[in-house]
Amino acid sequence: MPIATVNPANGETLKTYDALGAEEIEHRLATAESAFRTHRTTSFADRARLLHRAADLLEADQQDIARLMTTEMGKPVKQSRAEAAKCAKAMRWYADHAEELLADEEPLESEAKDSGASRVLVRYRPLGPVLAVMPWNFPLWQVVRFAAPALMAGNVGLLKHASNVPGTALYLEDLFRRAGYPEGCFQTLLIGSGEVEGILRDPRIRAATLTGSEPAGRAVASVAGDEVKKTVLELGGSDPYVVMPSADIDRAAKTAVTARVQNTGQSCIAAKRFIVHTDVFDAFAERFTAGMKALTVGDPMDEETEVGPLSSEQGRSDLEELVDDAVESGATVLCGGERPEGPGWYYAPTVLADITPEMRIHHEEAFGPVATLYRAADLDEAVAIANDTPFGLSSNVWTRDEAEVDRFVRDLEAGGVYVNGMTASHPAFPFGGVKRSGYGRELSGHGIREFCNITTVWHGA
């Protein structure tokens, strides 16, 4: 994929960028290593001051960076502004809490004495330069949720962003520079995917984090494993949205629409498979389908638009293939199921019912505004359908029965269970998945400690 800004609303190429050459890559690696030697010794107060400054600048830039993100990957501009605000919030959260999250820990005095020590500490120390391979769908948020904790822990970052959001990638480097971070603390690498392996194998890179597709995750994890380097992976998701008879059906159906089409459905944690108890299936399906039909699809720069174009022509083609395969295999189209006429990579909000395991969409992630509806006879079948996927990122459960809640929390194979609401990330809560959705956690104290050397400090008696 060329490194370029291509407007998904009309397919127009607005700007292309040259990839970094070998000498430039070497210079940036050397700069990162040098910056780490200094940054790792700074105080939490100094790091917090810089990150607060970055948050202030991001808020001041909110309108401009929102328009840039929308131009590059097509999300409705209102959602782009919200993403920028969320990033500033996360920066401030880590600036305010990192020292507490990484404070020295002391085991019980009795345990220290049992080991023959006068004192034992557990200390969190930074690892070094971390390579971040990030996707286009949340071009600010995906980066900030790595960069904010990494920088507060004393690490430095090198960003290999998706090739279709180079403007946003360069903005991030400039943002941290304007905030006062020394050269090399955060750098953007305009490179193709073919350069990632060589950089990851460089001994100056101590760890890597990737958010993206399963194949990309496998590639990075394979190289990192060969080099014995720590990785955190957040890959695909095909999240279940379970609705039981005791649920508030009106609210569940309304929330389901938002949960499916946030970011035009191009979100790993978007609800994708709607599993509804047979007693309320018809009522939910009617309300949910009506809500999907009513969505405003159009120019992402229009404040009234709720669903914009998909990020790429290939992305739309991939989505169409899944829908066509399902329909050919017997799925019922309740709404949508086709691309609108005209320019841009749009796809109509779609609801499919009568899904069977033979259909590709049953096992593959639909990355766009396409929902699949399943009918479950009881709680056991709902759990079975929810877990019948290679992914395990998050899940949504609608019920007022506490016994059912306990059962879902116990048995759903996912990194999160959201009860009577939709999945959403927050800086204070750990985020990540199981199965082919990846491993490790981002955000919260768990996230900031992923790229730390957890050091035991033992003092003799």
Protein backbone atom coordinates (compact mmCIF):
# COMPACT_ATOMS: atom_id res chain seq x y z
CA MET A 1 0.00 0.00 0.00
CA PRO A 2 1.46 3.41 -0.92
CA ILE A 3 1.87 5.93 1.88
CA ALA A 4 -0.82 8.41 0.91
CA THR A 5 -3.84 10.39 2.00
CA VAL A 6 -6.79 9.19 -0.09
CA ASN A 7 -10.21 10.62 0.70
CA PRO A 8 -12.60 7.66 1.14
CA ALA A 9 -15.61 9.88 0.45
CA ASN A 10 -14.60 10.32 -3.20
CA GLY A 11 -11.47 8.20 -3.82
CA GLU A 12 -9.31 11.26 -4.51
CA THR A 13 -5.59 11.00 -3.69
CA LEU A 14 -4.71 14.22 -1.89
CA LYS A 15 -1.07 13.69 -0.99
CA THR A 16 1.60 11.01 -1.24
CA TYR A 17 4.66 10.59 0.98
CA ASP A 18 8.11 9.12 0.43
CA ALA A 19 9.08 6.27 2.72
CA LEU A 20 12.11 6.67 4.96
CA GLY A 21 15.36 5.26 3.61
CA ALA A 22 17.81 3.03 5.47
CA GLU A 23 19.96 5.94 6.68
CA GLU A 24 16.94 7.83 8.01
CA ILE A 25 15.66 4.75 9.81
CA GLU A 26 19.05 4.21 11.42
CA HIS A 27 19.17 7.84 12.53
CA ARG A 28 15.77 7.55 14.18
CA LEU A 29 16.67 4.35 15.98
CA ALA A 30 19.87 5.93 17.28
CA THR A 31 17.95 9.03 18.35
CA ALA A 32 15.41 6.90 20.21
CA GLU A 33 18.10 5.01 22.08
CA SER A 34 19.81 8.25 23.06
CA ALA A 35 16.53 9.84 24.17
CA PHE A 36 15.68 6.82 26.31
CA ARG A 37 18.91 7.06 28.29
CA THR A 38 17.84 10.53 29.42
CA HIS A 39 14.06 10.18 29.56
CA ARG A 40 14.22 7.11 31.80
CA THR A 41 15.88 9.20 34.53
CA THR A 42 13.32 12.02 34.56
CA SER A 43 10.84 12.42 37.39
CA PHE A 44 7.16 11.58 37.19
CA ALA A 45 6.44 15.26 37.77
CA ASP A 46 8.47 16.27 34.72
CA ARG A 47 6.85 13.57 32.58
CA ALA A 48 3.39 14.61 33.77
CA ARG A 49 4.05 18.24 32.93
CA LEU A 50 4.93 17.32 29.33
CA LEU A 51 1.94 15.03 28.90
CA HIS A 52 -0.46 17.64 30.30
CA ARG A 53 0.99 20.11 27.81
CA ALA A 54 0.40 17.64 24.97
CA ALA A 55 -3.22 17.24 26.11
CA ASP A 56 -3.71 21.01 26.13
CA LEU A 57 -2.32 21.31 22.60
CA LEU A 58 -4.47 18.46 21.35
CA GLU A 59 -7.58 20.13 22.70
CA ALA A 60 -6.60 23.37 20.98
CA ASP A 61 -6.09 21.45 17.73
CA GLN A 62 -9.30 19.44 18.08
CA GLN A 63 -11.17 20.89 15.11
CA ASP A 64 -8.23 20.68 12.70
CA ILE A 65 -7.08 17.19 13.64
CA ALA A 66 -10.68 15.94 13.49
CA ARG A 67 -11.00 17.14 9.92
CA LEU A 68 -7.67 15.57 9.03
CA MET A 69 -8.68 12.18 10.46
CA THR A 70 -12.00 12.31 8.63
CA THR A 71 -10.29 13.22 5.37
CA GLU A 72 -7.83 10.34 5.70
CA MET A 73 -10.06 7.49 6.88
CA GLY A 74 -13.63 8.66 6.56
CA LYS A 75 -15.18 8.59 10.03
CA PRO A 76 -17.93 11.15 10.65
CA VAL A 77 -16.25 14.35 11.78
CA LYS A 78 -18.35 14.51 14.95
CA GLN A 79 -16.84 11.18 15.98
CA SER A 80 -13.35 12.42 15.08
CA ARG A 81 -13.74 15.35 17.47
CA ALA A 82 -14.87 12.96 20.19
CA GLU A 83 -11.82 10.81 19.57
CA ALA A 84 -9.49 13.78 20.00
CA ALA A 85 -11.22 14.72 23.27
CA LYS A 86 -10.93 11.15 24.52
CA CYS A 87 -7.20 11.17 23.79
CA ALA A 88 -6.68 14.35 25.79
CA LYS A 89 -8.59 12.78 28.68
CA ALA A 90 -6.40 9.66 28.60
CA MET A 91 -3.23 11.76 28.54
CA ARG A 92 -4.32 13.62 31.63
CA TRP A 93 -5.38 10.41 33.38
CA TYR A 94 -1.96 8.85 32.95
CA ALA A 95 -0.18 12.10 33.79
CA ASP A 96 -2.10 12.20 37.07
CA HIS A 97 -1.96 8.49 37.99
CA ALA A 98 1.27 7.02 36.58
CA GLU A 99 3.37 7.65 39.68
CA GLU A 100 0.80 5.89 41.84
CA LEU A 101 0.40 3.01 39.37
CA LEU A 102 4.15 2.44 39.23
CA ALA A 103 4.92 3.03 42.89
CA ASP A 104 7.31 0.62 44.59
CA GLU A 105 5.58 -2.35 46.18
CA GLU A 106 6.69 -3.94 49.44
CA PRO A 107 5.77 -7.55 50.20
CA LEU A 108 4.63 -8.44 53.69
CA GLU A 109 7.34 -7.88 56.30
CA SER A 110 7.01 -11.51 57.37
CA GLU A 111 7.72 -12.68 53.82
CA ALA A 112 10.79 -10.46 53.59
CA LYS A 113 12.13 -11.85 56.85
CA ASP A 114 11.41 -15.39 55.71
CA SER A 115 13.69 -14.76 52.71
CA GLY A 116 16.48 -13.50 54.98
CA ALA A 117 16.03 -9.87 53.91
CA SER A 118 15.72 -6.72 55.92
CA ARG A 119 13.59 -5.26 53.13
CA VAL A 120 12.24 -6.29 49.73
CA LEU A 121 10.87 -3.97 47.06
CA VAL A 122 9.23 -4.57 43.71
CA ARG A 123 10.12 -1.71 41.37
CA TYR A 124 8.78 -0.92 37.88
CA ARG A 125 11.51 0.24 35.51
CA PRO A 126 11.13 1.21 31.83
CA LEU A 127 12.27 -1.22 29.14
CA GLY A 128 13.45 1.13 26.40
CA PRO A 129 12.33 2.08 22.88
CA VAL A 130 8.99 0.46 22.02
CA LEU A 131 7.82 -0.04 18.45
CA ALA A 132 4.09 0.58 17.93
CA VAL A 133 2.40 -0.77 14.80
CA MET A 134 -0.98 0.92 14.71
CA PRO A 135 -4.14 0.81 12.55
CA TRP A 136 -6.14 3.46 10.75
CA ASN A 137 -9.58 3.02 12.34
CA PHE A 138 -8.90 5.15 15.43
CA PRO A 139 -5.79 6.93 14.18
CA LEU A 140 -5.32 9.09 17.29
CA TRP A 141 -6.75 6.90 20.05
CA GLN A 142 -4.90 3.71 19.17
CA VAL A 143 -1.60 5.58 19.36
CA VAL A 144 -2.30 7.68 22.44
CA ARG A 145 -3.43 4.71 24.52
CA PHE A 146 0.04 3.25 23.90
CA ALA A 147 2.08 6.45 23.96
CA ALA A 148 0.67 8.06 27.12
CA PRO A 149 1.47 5.16 29.48
CA ALA A 150 4.72 4.30 27.70
CA LEU A 151 6.08 7.83 28.00
CA MET A 152 4.93 8.17 31.62
CA ALA A 153 6.73 4.90 32.44
CA GLY A 154 9.97 6.32 31.05
CA ASN A 155 9.97 4.51 27.72
CA VAL A 156 10.21 6.16 24.30
CA GLY A 157 8.11 5.30 21.27
CA LEU A 158 8.51 4.75 17.55
CA LEU A 159 5.25 4.70 15.57
CA LYS A 160 4.68 2.74 12.38
CA HIS A 161 1.19 3.90 11.54
CA ALA A 162 -1.13 2.59 8.83
CA SER A 163 -0.13 3.79 5.39
CA ASN A 164 -3.46 5.53 4.74
CA VAL A 165 -3.20 7.93 7.71
CA PRO A 166 0.26 9.50 7.27
CA GLY A 167 -0.95 13.01 8.02
CA THR A 168 -2.31 11.95 11.40
CA ALA A 169 0.90 10.03 12.11
CA LEU A 170 3.06 13.07 11.43
CA TYR A 171 0.71 15.24 13.48
CA LEU A 172 1.30 13.02 16.51
CA GLU A 173 5.07 13.36 16.24
CA ASP A 174 4.69 17.12 15.96
CA LEU A 175 2.27 17.23 18.89
CA PHE A 176 4.74 15.64 21.30
CA ARG A 177 7.55 17.83 19.97
CA ARG A 178 5.51 21.01 20.52
CA ALA A 179 4.67 19.81 24.02
CA GLY A 180 8.38 19.94 24.85
CA TYR A 181 9.43 16.30 24.67
CA PRO A 182 13.11 16.03 23.76
CA GLU A 183 14.01 14.80 20.29
CA GLY A 184 13.60 11.05 19.99
CA CYS A 185 11.02 10.52 22.74
CA PHE A 186 8.27 9.98 20.17
CA GLN A 187 8.95 9.52 16.47
CA THR A 188 6.83 8.60 13.47
CA LEU A 189 8.35 6.21 10.95
CA LEU A 190 6.87 6.64 7.48
CA ILE A 191 7.70 3.15 6.26
CA GLY A 192 6.00 0.26 4.53
CA SER A 193 5.11 -2.95 6.33
CA GLY A 194 8.15 -4.63 4.77
CA GLU A 195 10.46 -2.59 7.00
CA VAL A 196 8.86 -3.65 10.28
CA GLU A 197 10.74 -6.92 10.70
CA GLY A 198 14.16 -5.32 10.37
CA ILE A 199 13.32 -2.61 12.89
CA LEU A 200 11.81 -5.10 15.32
CA ARG A 201 14.96 -7.24 15.12
CA ASP A 202 17.18 -4.25 15.92
CA PRO A 203 18.58 -4.71 19.45
CA ARG A 204 17.71 -1.12 20.35
CA ILE A 205 13.99 -1.96 20.09
CA ARG A 206 13.06 -3.64 23.37
CA ALA A 207 9.36 -4.40 22.84
CA ALA A 208 6.47 -3.97 20.43
CA THR A 209 2.74 -3.36 20.53
CA LEU A 210 0.37 -3.93 17.63
CA THR A 211 -3.28 -3.26 17.03
CA GLY A 212 -4.51 -4.65 13.76
CA SER A 213 -5.42 -7.74 11.82
CA GLU A 214 -4.74 -11.29 12.91
CA PRO A 215 -2.19 -11.87 10.08
CA ALA A 216 -0.30 -8.72 11.06
CA GLY A 217 -0.31 -9.82 14.69
CA ARG A 218 1.01 -13.25 13.79
CA ALA A 219 3.84 -11.71 11.77
CA VAL A 220 4.95 -9.32 14.52
CA ALA A 221 4.59 -11.93 17.28
CA SER A 222 6.64 -14.42 15.26
CA VAL A 223 9.54 -12.03 14.80
CA ALA A 224 9.36 -10.78 18.39
CA GLY A 225 9.28 -14.35 19.65
CA ASP A 226 12.37 -15.19 17.62
CA GLU A 227 14.09 -12.16 19.16
CA VAL A 228 12.66 -12.88 22.65
CA LYS A 229 10.98 -9.47 22.90
CA LYS A 230 7.82 -8.58 24.77
CA THR A 231 4.70 -7.88 22.70
CA VAL A 232 1.14 -6.79 23.33
CA LEU A 233 -1.38 -7.63 20.60
CA GLU A 234 -4.93 -6.33 20.14
CA LEU A 235 -6.32 -8.00 17.05
CA GLY A 236 -9.76 -8.59 15.57
CA GLY A 237 -13.07 -9.00 17.31
CA SER A 238 -16.52 -10.36 16.50
CA ASP A 239 -18.20 -9.31 19.70
CA PRO A 240 -21.51 -10.86 20.76
CA TYR A 241 -24.44 -8.73 21.89
CA VAL A 242 -26.80 -10.97 23.86
CA VAL A 243 -30.37 -9.92 24.63
CA MET A 244 -32.42 -11.92 27.14
CA PRO A 245 -36.19 -11.68 27.89
CA SER A 246 -35.79 -9.51 31.00
CA ALA A 247 -33.92 -6.80 29.11
CA ASP A 248 -35.26 -3.35 28.31
CA ILE A 249 -35.82 -4.18 24.62
CA ASP A 250 -36.28 -0.60 23.44
CA ARG A 251 -33.04 0.54 25.05
CA ALA A 252 -31.19 -2.61 23.99
CA ALA A 253 -32.22 -2.14 20.35
CA LYS A 254 -31.38 1.57 20.30
CA THR A 255 -27.97 0.97 21.88
CA ALA A 256 -27.38 -1.94 19.50
CA VAL A 257 -27.50 0.41 16.50
CA THR A 258 -24.82 2.65 17.99
CA ALA A 259 -22.78 -0.35 19.10
CA ARG A 260 -22.76 -1.72 15.56
CA VAL A 261 -22.11 1.38 13.48
CA GLN A 262 -19.72 3.41 15.61
CA ASN A 263 -16.86 4.40 13.31
CA THR A 264 -19.00 3.11 10.40
CA GLY A 265 -18.75 -0.34 11.96
CA GLN A 266 -14.97 -0.37 11.62
CA SER A 267 -14.14 -1.07 15.24
CA CYS A 268 -12.70 -4.22 16.76
CA ILE A 269 -14.95 -3.79 19.80
CA ALA A 270 -18.10 -2.97 17.86
CA ALA A 271 -20.93 -5.40 18.56
CA LYS A 272 -21.23 -7.57 15.45
CA ARG A 273 -23.25 -10.67 16.33
CA PHE A 274 -26.66 -10.04 17.91
CA ILE A 275 -27.84 -13.11 19.81
CA VAL A 276 -31.44 -12.71 20.94
CA HIS A 277 -33.62 -15.02 23.03
CA THR A 278 -36.48 -16.38 20.96
CA ASP A 279 -39.10 -14.87 23.31
CA VAL A 280 -38.01 -11.33 22.38
CA PHE A 281 -36.37 -11.96 19.01
CA ASP A 282 -39.12 -10.53 16.82
CA ALA A 283 -39.54 -7.39 18.92
CA PHE A 284 -35.80 -6.73 19.02
CA ALA A 285 -35.27 -7.49 15.32
CA GLU A 286 -38.05 -5.08 14.32
CA ARG A 287 -36.69 -2.20 16.42
CA PHE A 288 -33.05 -2.87 15.57
CA THR A 289 -33.68 -3.12 11.82
CA ALA A 290 -35.75 0.07 11.87
CA GLY A 291 -32.91 1.86 13.65
CA MET A 292 -30.34 0.66 11.12
CA LYS A 293 -32.57 1.75 8.20
CA ALA A 294 -32.99 5.22 9.72
CA LEU A 295 -29.27 5.99 9.90
CA THR A 296 -28.01 8.95 7.89
CA VAL A 297 -25.32 7.82 5.43
CA GLY A 298 -23.35 10.53 3.67
CA ASP A 299 -20.50 13.02 3.59
CA PRO A 300 -18.43 12.44 6.76
CA MET A 301 -17.76 16.16 6.99
CA ASP A 302 -21.49 16.79 7.41
CA GLU A 303 -22.42 17.15 11.08
CA GLU A 304 -25.63 15.15 10.53
CA THR A 305 -23.88 12.09 9.06
CA GLU A 306 -23.96 8.98 11.22
CA VAL A 307 -22.34 6.51 8.80
CA GLY A 308 -19.54 7.55 6.48
CA PRO A 309 -17.59 5.66 3.83
CA LEU A 310 -15.44 2.65 4.60
CA SER A 311 -11.77 3.51 4.80
CA SER A 312 -10.77 1.83 1.55
CA GLU A 313 -12.14 0.29 -1.61
CA GLN A 314 -10.64 -3.06 -0.58
CA GLY A 315 -12.38 -2.86 2.77
CA ARG A 316 -15.73 -2.43 1.07
CA SER A 317 -15.03 -5.30 -1.33
CA ASP A 318 -14.12 -7.59 1.58
CA LEU A 319 -17.37 -6.69 3.35
CA GLU A 320 -19.42 -7.26 0.21
CA GLU A 321 -17.91 -10.71 -0.22
CA LEU A 322 -19.00 -11.72 3.29
CA VAL A 323 -22.55 -10.46 2.73
CA ASP A 324 -22.86 -12.05 -0.72
CA ASP A 325 -21.58 -15.37 0.60
CA ALA A 326 -24.12 -15.31 3.42
CA VAL A 327 -27.04 -14.45 1.12
CA GLU A 328 -26.05 -17.16 -1.35
CA SER A 329 -26.01 -19.61 1.55
CA GLY A 330 -29.50 -18.69 2.73
CA ALA A 331 -29.21 -15.61 4.94
CA THR A 332 -32.16 -13.23 4.96
CA VAL A 333 -31.48 -9.54 4.30
CA LEU A 334 -33.65 -7.47 6.65
CA CYS A 335 -32.18 -4.19 5.39
CA GLY A 336 -29.28 -2.97 3.27
CA GLY A 337 -27.06 -5.53 1.63
CA GLU A 338 -25.75 -3.31 -1.16
CA ARG A 339 -23.51 -0.40 -1.97
CA PRO A 340 -25.17 2.95 -2.73
CA GLU A 341 -24.68 4.54 -6.13
CA GLY A 342 -22.19 7.35 -6.51
CA PRO A 343 -18.57 8.06 -5.59
CA GLY A 344 -16.86 6.99 -2.39
CA TRP A 345 -16.53 3.66 -0.60
CA TYR A 346 -19.94 3.57 1.06
CA TYR A 347 -21.94 0.53 2.11
CA ALA A 348 -25.53 0.55 3.32
CA PRO A 349 -26.21 -0.36 6.97
CA THR A 350 -27.17 -4.01 6.78
CA VAL A 351 -28.91 -6.57 8.99
CA LEU A 352 -28.72 -10.29 8.13
CA ALA A 353 -30.76 -13.03 9.78
CA ASP A 354 -30.86 -16.83 9.51
CA ILE A 355 -27.09 -17.13 9.86
CA THR A 356 -25.61 -20.63 9.85
CA PRO A 357 -22.13 -21.92 10.73
CA GLU A 358 -21.45 -22.69 7.07
CA MET A 359 -21.40 -19.00 6.20
CA ARG A 360 -18.09 -17.15 6.27
CA ILE A 361 -19.60 -14.26 8.19
CA HIS A 362 -20.32 -16.63 11.09
CA HIS A 363 -16.59 -17.06 11.72
CA GLU A 364 -14.99 -14.00 10.08
CA GLU A 365 -15.05 -10.41 11.29
CA ALA A 366 -17.35 -8.08 9.34
CA PHE A 367 -15.50 -4.75 9.42
CA GLY A 368 -18.25 -2.37 8.42
CA PRO A 369 -21.92 -1.56 9.10
CA VAL A 370 -23.19 -5.15 8.79
CA ALA A 371 -24.94 -6.93 11.68
CA THR A 372 -25.85 -10.61 12.00
CA LEU A 373 -28.91 -11.73 13.98
CA TYR A 374 -29.14 -15.08 15.79
CA ARG A 375 -32.08 -16.64 17.60
CA ALA A 376 -31.26 -18.45 20.88
CA ALA A 377 -33.67 -20.84 22.58
CA ASP A 378 -32.21 -20.34 26.07
CA LEU A 379 -29.21 -19.09 28.02
CA ASP A 380 -27.13 -22.18 27.22
CA GLU A 381 -27.57 -21.71 23.49
CA ALA A 382 -26.86 -17.98 23.78
CA VAL A 383 -23.53 -18.71 25.47
CA ALA A 384 -22.70 -21.39 22.91
CA ILE A 385 -23.35 -19.07 19.96
CA ALA A 386 -21.44 -16.22 21.61
CA ASN A 387 -18.37 -18.41 22.10
CA ASP A 388 -18.54 -20.00 18.63
CA THR A 389 -15.94 -17.63 17.21
CA PRO A 390 -12.14 -17.58 17.00
CA PHE A 391 -12.19 -14.12 18.60
CA GLY A 392 -12.63 -13.03 22.20
CA LEU A 393 -12.22 -9.28 22.53
CA SER A 394 -15.33 -8.03 24.37
CA SER A 395 -19.01 -8.85 24.82
CA ASN A 396 -22.32 -7.19 25.62
CA VAL A 397 -25.13 -8.72 27.70
CA TRP A 398 -28.62 -7.34 28.26
CA THR A 399 -30.52 -8.86 31.17
CA ARG A 400 -31.97 -7.83 34.54
CA ASP A 401 -31.48 -11.30 35.98
CA GLU A 402 -28.42 -11.35 38.26
CA ALA A 403 -28.09 -15.12 37.98
CA GLU A 404 -27.86 -14.73 34.20
CA VAL A 405 -25.26 -11.98 34.61
CA ASP A 406 -23.14 -14.26 36.79
CA ARG A 407 -23.40 -17.04 34.23
CA PHE A 408 -22.38 -14.81 31.33
CA VAL A 409 -19.45 -13.32 33.25
CA ARG A 410 -18.30 -16.82 34.15
CA ASP A 411 -18.70 -18.44 30.74
CA LEU A 412 -18.23 -15.86 27.98
CA GLU A 413 -14.78 -16.13 26.39
CA ALA A 414 -13.87 -12.47 26.13
CA GLY A 415 -11.66 -9.82 27.67
CA GLY A 416 -14.67 -7.80 28.79
CA VAL A 417 -18.34 -8.27 29.65
CA TYR A 418 -20.49 -5.12 29.45
CA VAL A 419 -23.88 -5.54 31.11
CA ASN A 420 -26.84 -3.44 29.88
CA GLY A 421 -24.58 -1.19 27.85
CA MET A 422 -22.14 -1.20 24.94
CA THR A 423 -18.43 -1.86 25.03
CA ALA A 424 -16.30 1.27 25.34
CA SER A 425 -12.69 1.75 26.36
CA HIS A 426 -11.70 3.99 29.27
CA PRO A 427 -8.17 4.82 30.47
CA ALA A 428 -8.86 3.40 33.95
CA PHE A 429 -10.04 -0.03 32.79
CA PRO A 430 -7.88 -2.79 31.29
CA PHE A 431 -8.51 -3.49 27.61
CA GLY A 432 -7.62 -6.56 25.58
CA GLY A 433 -8.78 -9.98 24.52
CA VAL A 434 -8.29 -13.73 24.47
CA LYS A 435 -8.15 -16.39 21.76
CA ARG A 436 -7.28 -14.84 18.38
CA SER A 437 -8.10 -11.36 19.61
CA GLY A 438 -4.59 -11.19 21.05
CA TYR A 439 -2.93 -11.04 24.44
CA GLY A 440 -1.72 -8.54 26.99
CA ARG A 441 -3.63 -5.50 28.16
CA GLU A 442 -3.70 -1.83 27.34
CA LEU A 443 -4.92 1.02 29.55
CA SER A 444 -5.22 1.10 33.35
CA GLY A 445 -2.39 0.03 35.63
CA HIS A 446 -2.18 -3.26 33.77
CA GLY A 447 -1.40 -1.42 30.54
CA ILE A 448 1.32 0.86 31.89
CA ARG A 449 3.08 -2.10 33.50
CA GLU A 450 3.15 -4.18 30.28
CA PHE A 451 6.32 -2.42 29.13
CA CYS A 452 8.12 -2.29 32.45
CA ASN A 453 10.91 -4.38 33.89
CA ILE A 454 9.31 -5.71 37.09
CA THR A 455 12.37 -5.72 39.32
CA THR A 456 12.80 -7.42 42.69
CA VAL A 457 15.10 -5.41 44.97
CA TRP A 458 16.32 -7.50 47.92
CA HIS A 459 18.25 -6.03 50.89
CA GLY A 460 20.18 -8.34 53.17
CA ALA A 461 19.60 -8.26 56.91
